[in-house]
Protein backbone atom coordinates (compact mmCIF):
# COMPACT_ATOMS: atom_id res chain seq x y z
CA UNK A 1 174.64 190.86 125.37
CA UNK A 2 171.69 191.44 123.23
CA UNK A 3 172.13 193.65 120.15
CA UNK A 4 169.30 196.25 119.69
CA UNK A 5 168.53 195.87 115.93
CA UNK A 6 170.14 197.74 113.17
CA UNK A 7 168.35 199.40 110.69
CA UNK A 8 164.72 201.89 110.52
CA UNK A 9 162.32 200.30 113.01
CA UNK A 10 159.28 199.29 111.58
CA UNK A 11 156.92 201.54 109.57
CA UNK A 12 154.56 203.53 111.38
CA UNK A 13 151.10 202.90 109.38
CA UNK A 14 150.50 206.57 107.93
CA UNK A 15 147.02 208.41 108.36
CA UNK A 16 145.10 209.87 105.74
CA UNK A 17 144.74 213.47 105.03
CA UNK A 18 141.40 215.17 104.00
CA UNK A 19 142.17 214.77 100.16
CA UNK A 20 142.69 211.05 100.30
CA UNK A 21 139.48 211.04 102.57
CA UNK A 22 137.68 212.98 99.98
CA UNK A 23 139.13 210.68 96.92
CA UNK A 24 137.89 207.32 98.76
CA UNK A 25 134.28 208.86 99.57
CA UNK A 26 134.28 209.75 95.96
CA UNK A 27 133.39 213.31 96.96
CA UNK A 28 135.39 216.78 96.96
CA UNK A 29 137.39 217.95 99.85
CA UNK A 30 134.63 220.44 101.09
CA UNK A 31 132.21 218.09 101.32
CA UNK A 32 134.60 215.89 103.79
CA UNK A 33 134.95 219.44 105.05
CA UNK A 34 131.12 220.40 105.40
CA UNK A 35 130.36 217.12 106.73
CA UNK A 36 132.73 217.27 109.75
CA UNK A 37 131.67 221.28 110.49
CA UNK A 38 128.06 221.05 108.94
CA UNK A 39 126.59 218.00 108.56
CA UNK A 40 123.24 219.52 108.16
CA UNK A 41 124.23 220.88 104.38
CA UNK A 42 125.45 217.19 103.59
CA UNK A 43 123.61 214.16 102.24
CA UNK A 44 122.75 211.87 104.36
CA UNK A 45 124.02 209.27 102.52
CA UNK A 46 127.43 211.30 101.75
CA UNK A 47 127.15 212.09 105.50
CA UNK A 48 127.97 208.15 106.41
CA UNK A 49 129.67 207.24 104.03
CA UNK A 50 132.44 209.61 105.03
CA UNK A 51 132.62 208.96 108.47
CA UNK A 52 132.48 205.88 108.18
CA UNK A 53 135.56 206.25 106.03
CA UNK A 54 136.86 209.27 108.93
CA UNK A 55 136.36 206.06 111.88
CA UNK A 56 138.14 203.90 110.22
CA UNK A 57 141.18 205.32 109.08
CA UNK A 58 141.39 207.21 112.39
CA UNK A 59 141.25 210.71 110.37
CA UNK A 60 141.93 213.72 112.47
CA UNK A 61 140.79 217.32 111.03
CA UNK A 62 142.86 220.22 111.34
CA UNK A 63 141.27 222.07 113.97
CA UNK A 64 143.18 225.54 113.18
CA UNK A 65 142.31 225.07 109.92
CA UNK A 66 138.44 224.40 110.12
CA UNK A 67 137.76 226.93 112.31
CA UNK A 68 139.25 229.59 110.53
CA UNK A 69 137.16 228.61 107.05
CA UNK A 70 134.17 228.33 109.34
CA UNK A 71 134.04 231.85 110.45
CA UNK A 72 136.69 231.18 114.04
CA UNK A 73 134.59 228.71 116.11
CA UNK A 74 136.37 228.83 118.81
CA UNK A 75 136.13 230.46 122.35
CA UNK A 76 139.31 231.71 124.18
CA UNK A 77 138.94 232.05 127.92
CA UNK A 78 141.17 232.97 130.75
CA UNK A 79 141.32 231.07 133.77
CA UNK A 80 143.23 232.54 137.57
CA UNK A 81 146.41 229.70 138.07
CA UNK A 82 144.99 228.02 140.85
CA UNK A 83 141.33 226.24 139.23
CA UNK A 84 139.15 225.58 142.28
CA UNK A 85 136.41 224.06 142.53
CA UNK A 86 134.29 226.95 141.56
CA UNK A 87 136.56 228.02 138.85
CA UNK A 88 136.65 223.90 137.39
CA UNK A 89 132.09 224.75 137.60
CA UNK A 90 132.52 227.50 135.40
CA UNK A 91 134.75 226.00 132.74
CA UNK A 92 132.38 223.11 132.90
CA UNK A 93 129.26 225.55 132.01
CA UNK A 94 131.52 226.92 129.21
CA UNK A 95 132.49 223.64 127.93
CA UNK A 96 128.50 222.52 127.67
CA UNK A 97 127.52 224.98 126.29
CA UNK A 98 130.65 225.56 123.38
CA UNK A 99 130.17 221.36 123.08
CA UNK A 100 126.05 222.01 121.82
CA UNK A 101 126.90 224.60 119.29
CA UNK A 102 129.64 223.37 117.82
CA UNK A 103 132.89 225.30 119.31
CA UNK A 104 135.44 224.55 121.06
CA UNK A 105 136.56 226.26 124.06
CA UNK A 106 140.32 227.01 124.23
CA UNK A 107 141.35 227.74 127.46
CA UNK A 108 144.64 229.30 128.80
CA UNK A 109 145.92 230.10 132.43
CA UNK A 110 146.25 233.79 133.65
CA UNK A 111 147.19 235.12 136.66
CA UNK A 112 146.45 238.36 139.01
CA UNK A 113 149.38 240.34 137.49
CA UNK A 114 150.16 242.50 134.88
CA UNK A 115 152.50 241.26 132.94
CA UNK A 116 151.41 237.55 133.17
CA UNK A 117 147.47 239.01 132.35
CA UNK A 118 149.19 240.46 129.19
CA UNK A 119 151.00 237.37 128.23
CA UNK A 120 147.69 235.16 128.79
CA UNK A 121 145.41 237.69 126.57
CA UNK A 122 147.74 237.81 123.89
CA UNK A 123 148.08 234.24 122.77
CA UNK A 124 144.48 233.81 123.18
CA UNK A 125 144.05 237.01 120.85
CA UNK A 126 146.68 234.65 118.69
CA UNK A 127 144.34 231.82 118.05
CA UNK A 128 141.41 234.74 116.67
CA UNK A 129 138.30 233.48 118.89
CA UNK A 130 135.31 234.10 117.97
CA UNK A 131 134.69 235.00 121.51
CA UNK A 132 136.34 235.94 124.66
CA UNK A 133 135.66 234.77 128.02
CA UNK A 134 137.73 236.08 130.58
CA UNK A 135 137.22 234.87 134.06
CA UNK A 136 138.18 238.35 136.39
CA UNK A 137 137.86 242.01 135.63
CA UNK A 138 141.11 242.99 133.40
CA UNK A 139 143.55 245.15 135.10
CA UNK A 140 146.30 245.59 133.11
CA UNK A 141 146.37 248.91 130.80
CA UNK A 142 147.94 247.23 128.02
CA UNK A 143 145.84 244.06 128.01
CA UNK A 144 142.63 246.07 127.66
CA UNK A 145 144.11 248.26 124.79
CA UNK A 146 144.51 245.22 123.22
CA UNK A 147 141.33 243.92 123.74
CA UNK A 148 139.53 246.80 122.82
CA UNK A 149 141.17 247.24 119.37
CA UNK A 150 139.87 243.57 119.01
CA UNK A 151 136.43 242.76 117.32
CA UNK A 152 135.50 239.82 119.22
CA UNK A 153 132.25 240.08 121.66
CA UNK A 154 134.09 239.83 125.35
CA UNK A 155 132.16 238.51 128.83
CA UNK A 156 133.62 238.73 131.88
CA UNK A 157 132.79 236.94 134.56
CA UNK A 158 133.32 238.65 137.77
CA UNK A 159 132.16 240.97 140.27
CA UNK A 160 129.59 243.12 138.71
CA UNK A 161 129.38 246.07 141.37
CA UNK A 162 131.89 249.47 140.85
CA UNK A 163 133.59 248.22 137.77
CA UNK A 164 132.63 249.04 133.88
CA UNK A 165 132.88 245.87 131.59
CA UNK A 166 135.15 246.01 128.59
CA UNK A 167 131.92 244.56 126.85
CA UNK A 168 129.88 242.47 128.70
CA UNK A 169 129.63 240.75 132.85
CA UNK A 170 127.96 238.04 133.93
CA UNK A 171 128.67 237.65 138.02
CA UNK A 172 127.40 238.19 141.35
CA UNK A 173 127.98 241.21 143.19
CA UNK A 174 130.36 240.13 146.33
CA UNK A 175 130.16 243.37 147.98
CA UNK A 176 126.83 241.71 148.64
CA UNK A 177 127.40 238.09 148.76
CA UNK A 178 129.45 239.27 151.96
CA UNK A 179 127.36 241.83 153.17
CA UNK A 180 124.63 238.86 153.63
CA UNK A 181 126.69 236.35 155.14
CA UNK A 182 128.54 239.09 157.85
CA UNK A 183 125.66 240.15 158.15
CA UNK A 184 123.47 237.04 158.60
CA UNK A 185 126.30 236.23 161.97
CA UNK A 186 125.80 238.89 163.29
CA UNK A 187 122.17 238.20 163.48
CA UNK A 188 123.11 234.56 164.73
CA UNK A 189 124.53 236.23 167.63
CA UNK A 190 128.20 236.68 166.81
CA UNK A 191 130.57 238.69 167.99
CA UNK A 192 134.11 238.78 167.45
CA UNK A 193 134.01 237.91 163.40
CA UNK A 194 137.21 236.90 161.63
CA UNK A 195 137.61 237.01 157.87
CA UNK A 196 140.48 235.20 156.20
CA UNK A 197 140.96 235.07 151.94
CA UNK A 198 143.58 233.97 149.16
CA UNK A 199 145.37 237.80 148.83
CA UNK A 200 143.03 240.18 147.18
CA UNK A 201 145.81 242.54 144.96
CA UNK A 202 144.53 242.30 141.34
CA UNK A 203 141.20 240.35 142.43
CA UNK A 204 138.41 242.02 141.98
CA UNK A 205 135.75 239.73 143.56
CA UNK A 206 138.15 239.38 146.85
CA UNK A 207 138.42 243.49 147.25
CA UNK A 208 134.42 243.19 147.04
CA UNK A 209 134.42 240.27 150.08
CA UNK A 210 136.61 241.87 152.22
CA UNK A 211 134.48 245.57 151.83
CA UNK A 212 131.45 244.04 152.21
CA UNK A 213 132.39 241.92 155.14
CA UNK A 214 133.73 245.56 156.68
CA UNK A 215 130.82 247.13 155.70
CA UNK A 216 128.42 244.84 157.21
CA UNK A 217 129.92 245.28 160.85
CA UNK A 218 129.99 248.70 160.48
CA UNK A 219 126.14 248.77 159.31
CA UNK A 220 125.21 246.27 162.10
CA UNK A 221 127.32 248.39 165.20
CA UNK A 222 130.36 246.43 165.12
CA UNK A 223 133.75 248.51 165.66
CA UNK A 224 135.84 247.10 162.84
CA UNK A 225 139.03 246.19 163.24
CA UNK A 226 141.32 244.85 160.33
CA UNK A 227 143.56 242.79 163.24
CA UNK A 228 140.49 240.20 162.22
CA UNK A 229 141.39 239.66 159.00
CA UNK A 230 143.84 237.50 157.52
CA UNK A 231 145.30 236.30 153.91
CA UNK A 232 146.40 232.72 152.89
CA UNK A 233 146.47 230.75 150.12
CA UNK A 234 143.55 229.07 148.64
CA UNK A 235 144.37 225.75 150.59
CA UNK A 236 143.04 223.11 153.50
CA UNK A 237 146.37 224.13 155.15
CA UNK A 238 145.58 227.82 154.41
CA UNK A 239 142.15 226.94 156.24
CA UNK A 240 144.39 225.67 159.27
CA UNK A 241 146.47 228.52 159.76
CA UNK A 242 143.58 231.14 159.47
CA UNK A 243 142.27 229.18 162.89
CA UNK A 244 146.00 229.39 164.64
CA UNK A 245 146.61 233.17 163.34
CA UNK A 246 143.06 234.99 164.30
CA UNK A 247 142.46 232.79 167.60
CA UNK A 248 145.83 234.29 168.64
CA UNK A 249 145.06 238.18 167.14
CA UNK A 250 142.25 237.79 169.43
CA UNK A 251 140.83 234.42 171.28
CA UNK A 252 137.78 235.57 171.64
CA UNK A 253 137.20 235.34 167.93
CA UNK A 254 134.05 233.36 167.65
CA UNK A 255 133.33 232.79 164.09
CA UNK A 256 135.74 232.86 161.25
CA UNK A 257 134.19 233.63 157.77
CA UNK A 258 135.99 232.35 154.93
CA UNK A 259 136.01 233.50 151.26
CA UNK A 260 136.40 229.81 150.20
CA UNK A 261 135.31 226.18 150.94
CA UNK A 262 138.64 225.36 150.75
CA UNK A 263 139.73 227.81 153.38
CA UNK A 264 136.82 226.41 155.38
CA UNK A 265 137.20 223.01 155.41
CA UNK A 266 140.98 223.24 156.73
CA UNK A 267 139.79 225.53 159.18
CA UNK A 268 136.94 222.99 160.32
CA UNK A 269 139.44 219.94 160.18
CA UNK A 270 142.15 222.55 162.44
CA UNK A 271 139.34 222.75 165.05
CA UNK A 272 138.75 218.88 165.20
CA UNK A 273 142.52 218.46 165.92
CA UNK A 274 142.32 221.00 168.76
CA UNK A 275 139.84 219.24 169.89
CA UNK A 276 137.02 221.69 169.73
CA UNK A 277 133.79 221.85 169.00
CA UNK A 278 132.10 223.34 166.44
CA UNK A 279 130.48 225.98 166.39
CA UNK A 280 130.73 226.30 170.33
CA UNK A 281 134.13 226.78 170.82
CA UNK A 282 134.48 228.24 166.92
CA UNK A 283 131.87 228.56 164.46
CA UNK A 284 133.02 228.90 161.26
CA UNK A 285 131.75 229.92 157.52
CA UNK A 286 132.58 228.99 153.78
CA UNK A 287 131.96 230.78 150.36
CA UNK A 288 131.17 228.30 148.00
CA UNK A 289 128.96 225.60 148.39
CA UNK A 290 131.03 222.86 147.26
CA UNK A 291 130.18 218.74 147.33
CA UNK A 292 131.66 218.21 150.16
CA UNK A 293 130.46 221.22 152.39
CA UNK A 294 127.35 219.17 153.94
CA UNK A 295 129.46 215.82 153.74
CA UNK A 296 131.65 217.86 156.58
CA UNK A 297 131.11 217.29 160.03
CA UNK A 298 129.19 219.41 161.49
CA UNK A 299 127.61 220.77 157.73
CA UNK A 300 129.49 224.15 156.60
CA UNK A 301 127.76 227.03 156.97
CA UNK A 302 128.47 228.74 153.40
CA UNK A 303 126.82 231.13 150.51
CA UNK A 304 126.05 228.99 147.88
CA UNK A 305 126.80 230.75 144.01
CA UNK A 306 125.85 229.07 141.09
CA UNK A 307 128.77 228.81 139.12
CA UNK A 308 128.35 226.49 136.38
CA UNK A 309 125.45 229.07 135.42
CA UNK A 310 128.05 231.58 135.32
CA UNK A 311 129.58 229.67 132.71
CA UNK A 312 126.98 228.89 130.61
CA UNK A 313 125.41 231.83 130.66
CA UNK A 314 128.64 233.53 129.57
CA UNK A 315 128.89 231.78 126.14
CA UNK A 316 125.23 232.00 125.47
CA UNK A 317 125.55 235.91 126.11
CA UNK A 318 128.38 235.36 123.16
CA UNK A 319 126.64 233.13 121.32
CA UNK A 320 123.27 235.80 121.15
CA UNK A 321 125.58 238.25 120.35
CA UNK A 322 127.37 236.41 117.33
CA UNK A 323 124.22 235.57 115.87
CA UNK A 324 123.81 239.66 115.15
CA UNK A 325 121.44 240.41 118.11
CA UNK A 326 121.25 243.62 120.00
CA UNK A 327 119.30 243.17 122.78
CA UNK A 328 122.19 241.85 124.81
CA UNK A 329 122.16 242.78 128.52
CA UNK A 330 125.71 244.32 128.85
CA UNK A 331 125.50 243.38 132.91
CA UNK A 332 124.00 240.39 133.73
CA UNK A 333 123.48 239.60 137.61
CA UNK A 334 122.95 235.86 139.18
CA UNK A 335 122.08 235.25 142.90
CA UNK A 336 123.60 233.62 145.35
CA UNK A 337 121.88 231.57 148.84
CA UNK A 338 122.90 231.26 151.78
CA UNK A 339 122.83 228.05 153.18
CA UNK A 340 122.70 227.69 156.60
CA UNK A 341 124.15 224.66 158.64
CA UNK A 342 126.05 223.11 161.96
CA UNK A 343 129.34 225.17 161.88
CA UNK A 344 127.59 228.43 162.47
């Protein structure tokens, strides 16, 4: 039997701190900090010497201390528990602007329950961010009080219709998007239009989509019937279950409007499993226009919202406020587009 070696293990190389980097570069620690955080304030030769040492020695700066010294360079964001492709696009848009502006994006997962929302916001505020981006309107009264008591600017990426933002809001009217898609389906001749979404409780965007769907049916002379609505998890399996549930409720349903492309993709696949021709036996429409939507067979009719632009615009709004601009719009509405393909 091989015995393990006795005594201490091999000594790990020690990473240099900012003071040692400064000593070897022949500058003050503050100069090292400036070279990393405000490089324009350091001469090119000195900056090159410092960066060469930093790279060679594997120096890792203390980002928390650095952000506090440089005026809080952190922008915090709270995302829902399921990061679907739409949320991921928003985060990418935020990240790109943060990177270009020298800010760090801090992401914390929240939820659509008041307690989880409050805990996530407390965690974000504990980092003393320069600004906050919340990817839904805040439901918890306690969380709203916490945010209103602070000084950091706030942007909510959410429904822009019928809500008063805490500070600023960027988004679309989900009522108008769902109203437009439902009207589009009616105009194409569909008469029994089912609607499937994830649970709407605590989710202002989905609430408004459902209201828009209902109102479009009423305005187009259709008898609104609540049983043609179902709530299911935002997964392809949820979309497949929606096909089964809605066709059992009403075998005459001729189109299903899904509140996300993820649900719609599952619905399309379920139709294929049943041998149903789309859109002849059942038509499917989605929401989001994810990359896979155009690759499906048949290609998915859906509604396009530029979520990447939402993320970018949210950070840009924060930066304008942080730079002292006073004419930043309180509510900014982005457009949308119905993408009419073969599935409906």
